[in-house]
């Protein structure tokens, strides 16, 4: 139980810090957000909790395939000015594209 609380607290602190930083140093906050901090933490916590190297390697492979697919979320934001889209439209379209990306991710993993 304490492990779950610790993991939750650490993750919340990182997210809170980066969202706070975005109000002052947008470029730095964006760079930190793009770092694989979540992946590093999740892989470490998973290996520490389950001590299963094969599972951790499979998990890392899944993340590797998912990273380029998850960039679909940002496509509406890249087109926002050209298509005159507001934030919420971009956000919702990005989530829809992530759903489509999940199926692409599953398809690719079956091939690997």
N, C-alpha and C. Protein backbone atom coordinates (compact mmCIF):
# COMPACT_ATOMS: atom_id res chain seq x y z
N UNK A 1 0.82 -1.20 0.00
CA UNK A 1 0.00 0.00 0.00
C UNK A 1 0.87 1.26 0.00
N UNK A 2 1.96 1.23 0.81
CA UNK A 2 2.84 2.40 0.88
C UNK A 2 3.53 2.64 -0.46
N UNK A 3 3.83 1.56 -1.17
CA UNK A 3 4.46 1.70 -2.48
C UNK A 3 3.53 2.45 -3.44
N UNK A 4 2.26 2.09 -3.43
CA UNK A 4 1.27 2.76 -4.28
C UNK A 4 1.17 4.24 -3.92
N UNK A 5 1.15 4.56 -2.65
CA UNK A 5 1.06 5.95 -2.20
C UNK A 5 2.32 6.71 -2.61
N UNK A 6 3.48 6.09 -2.45
CA UNK A 6 4.73 6.74 -2.85
C UNK A 6 4.80 7.00 -4.33
N UNK A 7 4.38 6.01 -5.14
CA UNK A 7 4.39 6.18 -6.59
C UNK A 7 3.43 7.30 -7.01
N UNK A 8 2.27 7.32 -6.40
CA UNK A 8 1.28 8.34 -6.71
C UNK A 8 1.79 9.72 -6.34
N UNK A 9 2.38 9.86 -5.18
CA UNK A 9 2.91 11.14 -4.72
C UNK A 9 4.02 11.65 -5.63
N UNK A 10 4.98 10.80 -5.97
CA UNK A 10 6.08 11.20 -6.84
C UNK A 10 5.57 11.63 -8.21
N UNK A 11 4.66 10.86 -8.77
CA UNK A 11 4.10 11.19 -10.09
C UNK A 11 3.34 12.51 -10.03
N UNK A 12 2.56 12.70 -8.99
CA UNK A 12 1.79 13.94 -8.84
C UNK A 12 2.72 15.15 -8.69
N UNK A 13 3.81 14.98 -7.98
CA UNK A 13 4.76 16.07 -7.80
C UNK A 13 5.40 16.47 -9.13
N UNK A 14 5.76 15.50 -9.93
CA UNK A 14 6.37 15.81 -11.23
C UNK A 14 5.38 16.53 -12.13
N UNK A 15 4.16 16.02 -12.20
CA UNK A 15 3.13 16.65 -13.04
C UNK A 15 2.83 18.06 -12.55
N UNK A 16 2.69 18.23 -11.25
CA UNK A 16 2.41 19.56 -10.69
C UNK A 16 3.54 20.53 -10.98
N UNK A 17 4.77 20.07 -10.83
CA UNK A 17 5.92 20.95 -11.09
C UNK A 17 5.94 21.40 -12.55
N UNK A 18 5.76 20.47 -13.46
CA UNK A 18 5.84 20.82 -14.88
C UNK A 18 4.69 21.74 -15.28
N UNK A 19 3.49 21.50 -14.77
CA UNK A 19 2.37 22.37 -15.12
C UNK A 19 2.58 23.77 -14.53
N UNK A 20 3.17 23.87 -13.34
CA UNK A 20 3.50 25.17 -12.75
C UNK A 20 4.56 25.87 -13.59
N UNK A 21 5.60 25.14 -13.98
CA UNK A 21 6.70 25.68 -14.75
C UNK A 21 6.22 26.20 -16.11
N UNK A 22 5.20 25.60 -16.66
CA UNK A 22 4.71 26.01 -17.98
C UNK A 22 4.21 27.46 -17.99
N UNK A 23 3.85 27.97 -16.83
CA UNK A 23 3.40 29.36 -16.74
C UNK A 23 4.54 30.36 -16.80
N UNK A 24 5.76 29.89 -16.58
CA UNK A 24 6.91 30.79 -16.54
C UNK A 24 7.93 30.52 -17.65
N UNK A 25 8.20 29.26 -17.89
CA UNK A 25 9.19 28.87 -18.88
C UNK A 25 8.59 27.77 -19.76
N UNK A 26 7.82 28.18 -20.73
CA UNK A 26 7.09 27.25 -21.58
C UNK A 26 8.01 26.26 -22.29
N UNK A 27 9.12 26.77 -22.81
CA UNK A 27 10.03 25.90 -23.56
C UNK A 27 10.63 24.82 -22.67
N UNK A 28 11.06 25.21 -21.46
CA UNK A 28 11.65 24.24 -20.54
C UNK A 28 10.61 23.23 -20.08
N UNK A 29 9.40 23.70 -19.78
CA UNK A 29 8.33 22.79 -19.36
C UNK A 29 8.00 21.79 -20.47
N UNK A 30 7.97 22.27 -21.71
CA UNK A 30 7.72 21.37 -22.85
C UNK A 30 8.81 20.34 -23.01
N UNK A 31 10.05 20.76 -22.81
CA UNK A 31 11.17 19.83 -22.92
C UNK A 31 11.10 18.77 -21.82
N UNK A 32 10.84 19.18 -20.60
CA UNK A 32 10.75 18.23 -19.48
C UNK A 32 9.59 17.27 -19.70
N UNK A 33 8.47 17.80 -20.18
CA UNK A 33 7.31 16.95 -20.44
C UNK A 33 7.63 15.90 -21.50
N UNK A 34 8.42 16.28 -22.50
CA UNK A 34 8.76 15.35 -23.58
C UNK A 34 9.75 14.28 -23.14
N UNK A 35 10.45 14.50 -22.04
CA UNK A 35 11.37 13.48 -21.55
C UNK A 35 10.59 12.23 -21.18
N UNK A 36 11.21 11.09 -21.28
CA UNK A 36 10.49 9.85 -20.94
C UNK A 36 10.45 9.60 -19.43
N UNK A 37 10.11 10.66 -18.66
CA UNK A 37 10.08 10.53 -17.19
C UNK A 37 9.04 9.49 -16.77
N UNK A 38 7.88 9.55 -17.37
CA UNK A 38 6.85 8.57 -17.04
C UNK A 38 7.33 7.16 -17.34
N UNK A 39 7.96 6.99 -18.48
CA UNK A 39 8.47 5.67 -18.87
C UNK A 39 9.55 5.20 -17.90
N UNK A 40 10.46 6.09 -17.58
CA UNK A 40 11.53 5.73 -16.63
C UNK A 40 10.96 5.29 -15.29
N UNK A 41 10.02 6.08 -14.78
CA UNK A 41 9.40 5.75 -13.49
C UNK A 41 8.60 4.45 -13.57
N UNK A 42 7.78 4.33 -14.61
CA UNK A 42 6.91 3.16 -14.72
C UNK A 42 7.73 1.88 -14.90
N UNK A 43 8.76 1.92 -15.73
CA UNK A 43 9.60 0.73 -15.91
C UNK A 43 10.31 0.36 -14.61
N UNK A 44 10.84 1.36 -13.93
CA UNK A 44 11.50 1.11 -12.65
C UNK A 44 10.53 0.52 -11.63
N UNK A 45 9.36 1.16 -11.48
CA UNK A 45 8.37 0.68 -10.50
C UNK A 45 7.89 -0.73 -10.85
N UNK A 46 7.66 -0.99 -12.13
CA UNK A 46 7.19 -2.31 -12.56
C UNK A 46 8.22 -3.39 -12.26
N UNK A 47 9.47 -3.11 -12.60
CA UNK A 47 10.53 -4.08 -12.34
C UNK A 47 10.71 -4.30 -10.84
N UNK A 48 10.68 -3.21 -10.07
CA UNK A 48 10.84 -3.31 -8.61
C UNK A 48 9.70 -4.10 -7.98
N UNK A 49 8.49 -3.91 -8.50
CA UNK A 49 7.33 -4.57 -7.90
C UNK A 49 7.22 -6.03 -8.32
N UNK A 50 7.44 -6.33 -9.60
CA UNK A 50 7.20 -7.69 -10.09
C UNK A 50 8.48 -8.50 -10.29
N UNK A 51 9.62 -7.83 -10.41
CA UNK A 51 10.91 -8.49 -10.60
C UNK A 51 10.87 -9.51 -11.74
N UNK A 52 10.26 -9.09 -12.85
CA UNK A 52 10.11 -9.95 -14.02
C UNK A 52 10.72 -9.24 -15.23
N UNK A 53 11.95 -9.59 -15.54
CA UNK A 53 12.67 -8.91 -16.62
C UNK A 53 11.98 -9.07 -17.98
N UNK A 54 11.47 -10.25 -18.26
CA UNK A 54 10.80 -10.48 -19.54
C UNK A 54 9.58 -9.57 -19.68
N UNK A 55 8.82 -9.43 -18.62
CA UNK A 55 7.65 -8.55 -18.64
C UNK A 55 8.08 -7.10 -18.82
N UNK A 56 9.15 -6.70 -18.14
CA UNK A 56 9.64 -5.32 -18.26
C UNK A 56 10.14 -5.02 -19.66
N UNK A 57 10.81 -5.98 -20.29
CA UNK A 57 11.29 -5.79 -21.66
C UNK A 57 10.10 -5.68 -22.62
N UNK A 58 9.10 -6.53 -22.45
CA UNK A 58 7.89 -6.45 -23.29
C UNK A 58 7.19 -5.11 -23.10
N UNK A 59 7.16 -4.64 -21.87
CA UNK A 59 6.57 -3.34 -21.55
C UNK A 59 7.33 -2.23 -22.27
N UNK A 60 8.67 -2.27 -22.21
CA UNK A 60 9.49 -1.26 -22.88
C UNK A 60 9.28 -1.29 -24.39
N UNK A 61 9.15 -2.48 -24.98
CA UNK A 61 8.88 -2.58 -26.42
C UNK A 61 7.54 -1.94 -26.77
N UNK A 62 6.55 -2.17 -25.93
CA UNK A 62 5.24 -1.57 -26.16
C UNK A 62 5.33 -0.05 -26.13
N UNK A 63 6.08 0.47 -25.19
CA UNK A 63 6.27 1.92 -25.10
C UNK A 63 6.98 2.44 -26.34
N UNK A 64 8.01 1.73 -26.79
CA UNK A 64 8.77 2.13 -27.97
C UNK A 64 7.85 2.26 -29.19
N UNK A 65 6.97 1.32 -29.37
CA UNK A 65 6.03 1.36 -30.49
C UNK A 65 5.00 2.47 -30.29
N UNK A 66 4.61 2.69 -29.05
CA UNK A 66 3.55 3.65 -28.76
C UNK A 66 3.98 5.10 -28.94
N UNK A 67 5.25 5.39 -28.71
CA UNK A 67 5.69 6.80 -28.72
C UNK A 67 5.36 7.50 -30.04
N UNK A 68 5.77 6.98 -31.20
CA UNK A 68 5.41 7.71 -32.42
C UNK A 68 3.90 7.73 -32.68
N UNK A 69 3.21 6.69 -32.27
CA UNK A 69 1.75 6.64 -32.49
C UNK A 69 1.05 7.70 -31.64
N UNK A 70 1.54 7.93 -30.43
CA UNK A 70 0.89 8.91 -29.55
C UNK A 70 1.08 10.34 -30.04
N UNK A 71 1.99 10.55 -30.95
CA UNK A 71 2.16 11.89 -31.52
C UNK A 71 0.93 12.32 -32.33
N UNK A 72 0.08 11.36 -32.66
CA UNK A 72 -1.18 11.70 -33.35
C UNK A 72 -2.00 12.70 -32.54
N UNK A 73 -1.86 12.66 -31.22
CA UNK A 73 -2.60 13.59 -30.35
C UNK A 73 -2.32 15.05 -30.74
N UNK A 74 -1.11 15.34 -31.17
CA UNK A 74 -0.71 16.73 -31.44
C UNK A 74 -1.07 17.23 -32.83
N UNK A 75 -1.50 16.35 -33.71
CA UNK A 75 -1.83 16.75 -35.08
C UNK A 75 -2.86 17.87 -35.12
N UNK A 76 -3.98 17.80 -34.39
CA UNK A 76 -4.94 18.92 -34.43
C UNK A 76 -4.34 20.23 -33.95
N UNK A 77 -3.44 20.18 -32.97
CA UNK A 77 -2.81 21.40 -32.47
C UNK A 77 -1.91 22.02 -33.54
N UNK A 78 -1.24 21.16 -34.31
CA UNK A 78 -0.39 21.67 -35.39
C UNK A 78 -1.21 22.33 -36.49
N UNK A 79 -2.45 21.88 -36.66
CA UNK A 79 -3.33 22.42 -37.70
C UNK A 79 -4.30 23.48 -37.18
N UNK A 80 -4.21 23.82 -35.90
CA UNK A 80 -5.19 24.70 -35.25
C UNK A 80 -5.33 26.05 -35.94
N UNK A 81 -4.25 26.71 -36.21
CA UNK A 81 -4.34 28.03 -36.83
C UNK A 81 -4.85 27.95 -38.26
N UNK A 82 -4.36 26.97 -38.98
CA UNK A 82 -4.76 26.83 -40.38
C UNK A 82 -6.26 26.51 -40.51
N UNK A 83 -6.78 25.68 -39.58
CA UNK A 83 -8.19 25.27 -39.63
C UNK A 83 -9.07 26.06 -38.68
N UNK A 84 -8.48 27.04 -37.99
CA UNK A 84 -9.21 27.89 -37.04
C UNK A 84 -9.89 27.06 -35.94
N UNK A 85 -9.12 26.17 -35.30
CA UNK A 85 -9.63 25.31 -34.24
C UNK A 85 -9.26 25.89 -32.88
N UNK A 86 -10.20 25.86 -31.94
CA UNK A 86 -9.86 26.31 -30.59
C UNK A 86 -9.26 25.15 -29.80
N UNK A 87 -8.82 25.45 -28.58
CA UNK A 87 -8.14 24.44 -27.77
C UNK A 87 -8.98 23.19 -27.57
N UNK A 88 -10.25 23.35 -27.19
CA UNK A 88 -11.06 22.18 -26.84
C UNK A 88 -11.35 21.30 -28.04
N UNK A 89 -11.51 21.88 -29.20
CA UNK A 89 -11.69 21.09 -30.42
C UNK A 89 -10.42 20.30 -30.70
N UNK A 90 -9.27 20.96 -30.58
CA UNK A 90 -7.99 20.27 -30.78
C UNK A 90 -7.83 19.14 -29.77
N UNK A 91 -8.18 19.41 -28.53
CA UNK A 91 -8.02 18.43 -27.45
C UNK A 91 -8.88 17.19 -27.71
N UNK A 92 -10.14 17.41 -28.04
CA UNK A 92 -11.06 16.30 -28.30
C UNK A 92 -10.65 15.51 -29.55
N UNK A 93 -10.29 16.23 -30.60
CA UNK A 93 -9.82 15.54 -31.81
C UNK A 93 -8.54 14.75 -31.52
N UNK A 94 -7.66 15.32 -30.70
CA UNK A 94 -6.44 14.62 -30.32
C UNK A 94 -6.73 13.33 -29.57
N UNK A 95 -7.70 13.37 -28.68
CA UNK A 95 -8.09 12.16 -27.94
C UNK A 95 -8.68 11.12 -28.89
N UNK A 96 -9.48 11.56 -29.83
CA UNK A 96 -10.04 10.64 -30.83
C UNK A 96 -8.91 9.99 -31.64
N UNK A 97 -7.94 10.81 -32.04
CA UNK A 97 -6.80 10.26 -32.78
C UNK A 97 -5.98 9.30 -31.93
N UNK A 98 -5.90 9.55 -30.62
CA UNK A 98 -5.22 8.60 -29.73
C UNK A 98 -5.94 7.26 -29.71
N UNK A 99 -7.27 7.29 -29.74
CA UNK A 99 -8.05 6.05 -29.81
C UNK A 99 -7.73 5.27 -31.06
N UNK A 100 -7.65 5.97 -32.17
CA UNK A 100 -7.27 5.32 -33.43
C UNK A 100 -5.84 4.81 -33.33
N UNK A 101 -4.98 5.60 -32.70
CA UNK A 101 -3.59 5.21 -32.50
C UNK A 101 -3.43 3.94 -31.69
N UNK A 102 -4.34 3.73 -30.74
CA UNK A 102 -4.28 2.51 -29.93
C UNK A 102 -4.42 1.28 -30.82
N UNK A 103 -5.34 1.33 -31.78
CA UNK A 103 -5.53 0.19 -32.68
C UNK A 103 -4.32 0.00 -33.59
N UNK A 104 -3.71 1.10 -34.01
CA UNK A 104 -2.47 1.01 -34.79
C UNK A 104 -1.38 0.36 -33.95
N UNK A 105 -1.27 0.78 -32.71
CA UNK A 105 -0.28 0.24 -31.76
C UNK A 105 -0.48 -1.26 -31.58
N UNK A 106 -1.71 -1.68 -31.36
CA UNK A 106 -2.01 -3.11 -31.18
C UNK A 106 -1.65 -3.90 -32.42
N UNK A 107 -1.95 -3.36 -33.59
CA UNK A 107 -1.64 -4.03 -34.85
C UNK A 107 -0.12 -4.20 -35.01
N UNK A 108 0.63 -3.15 -34.74
CA UNK A 108 2.09 -3.20 -34.88
C UNK A 108 2.69 -4.20 -33.90
N UNK A 109 2.21 -4.22 -32.66
CA UNK A 109 2.76 -5.14 -31.66
C UNK A 109 2.50 -6.61 -32.02
N UNK A 110 1.42 -6.88 -32.71
CA UNK A 110 1.15 -8.24 -33.14
C UNK A 110 2.14 -8.68 -34.20
N UNK A 111 2.67 -7.72 -34.94
CA UNK A 111 3.62 -8.03 -36.00
C UNK A 111 5.04 -8.18 -35.46
N UNK A 112 5.33 -7.58 -34.32
CA UNK A 112 6.70 -7.59 -33.78
C UNK A 112 6.95 -8.83 -32.96
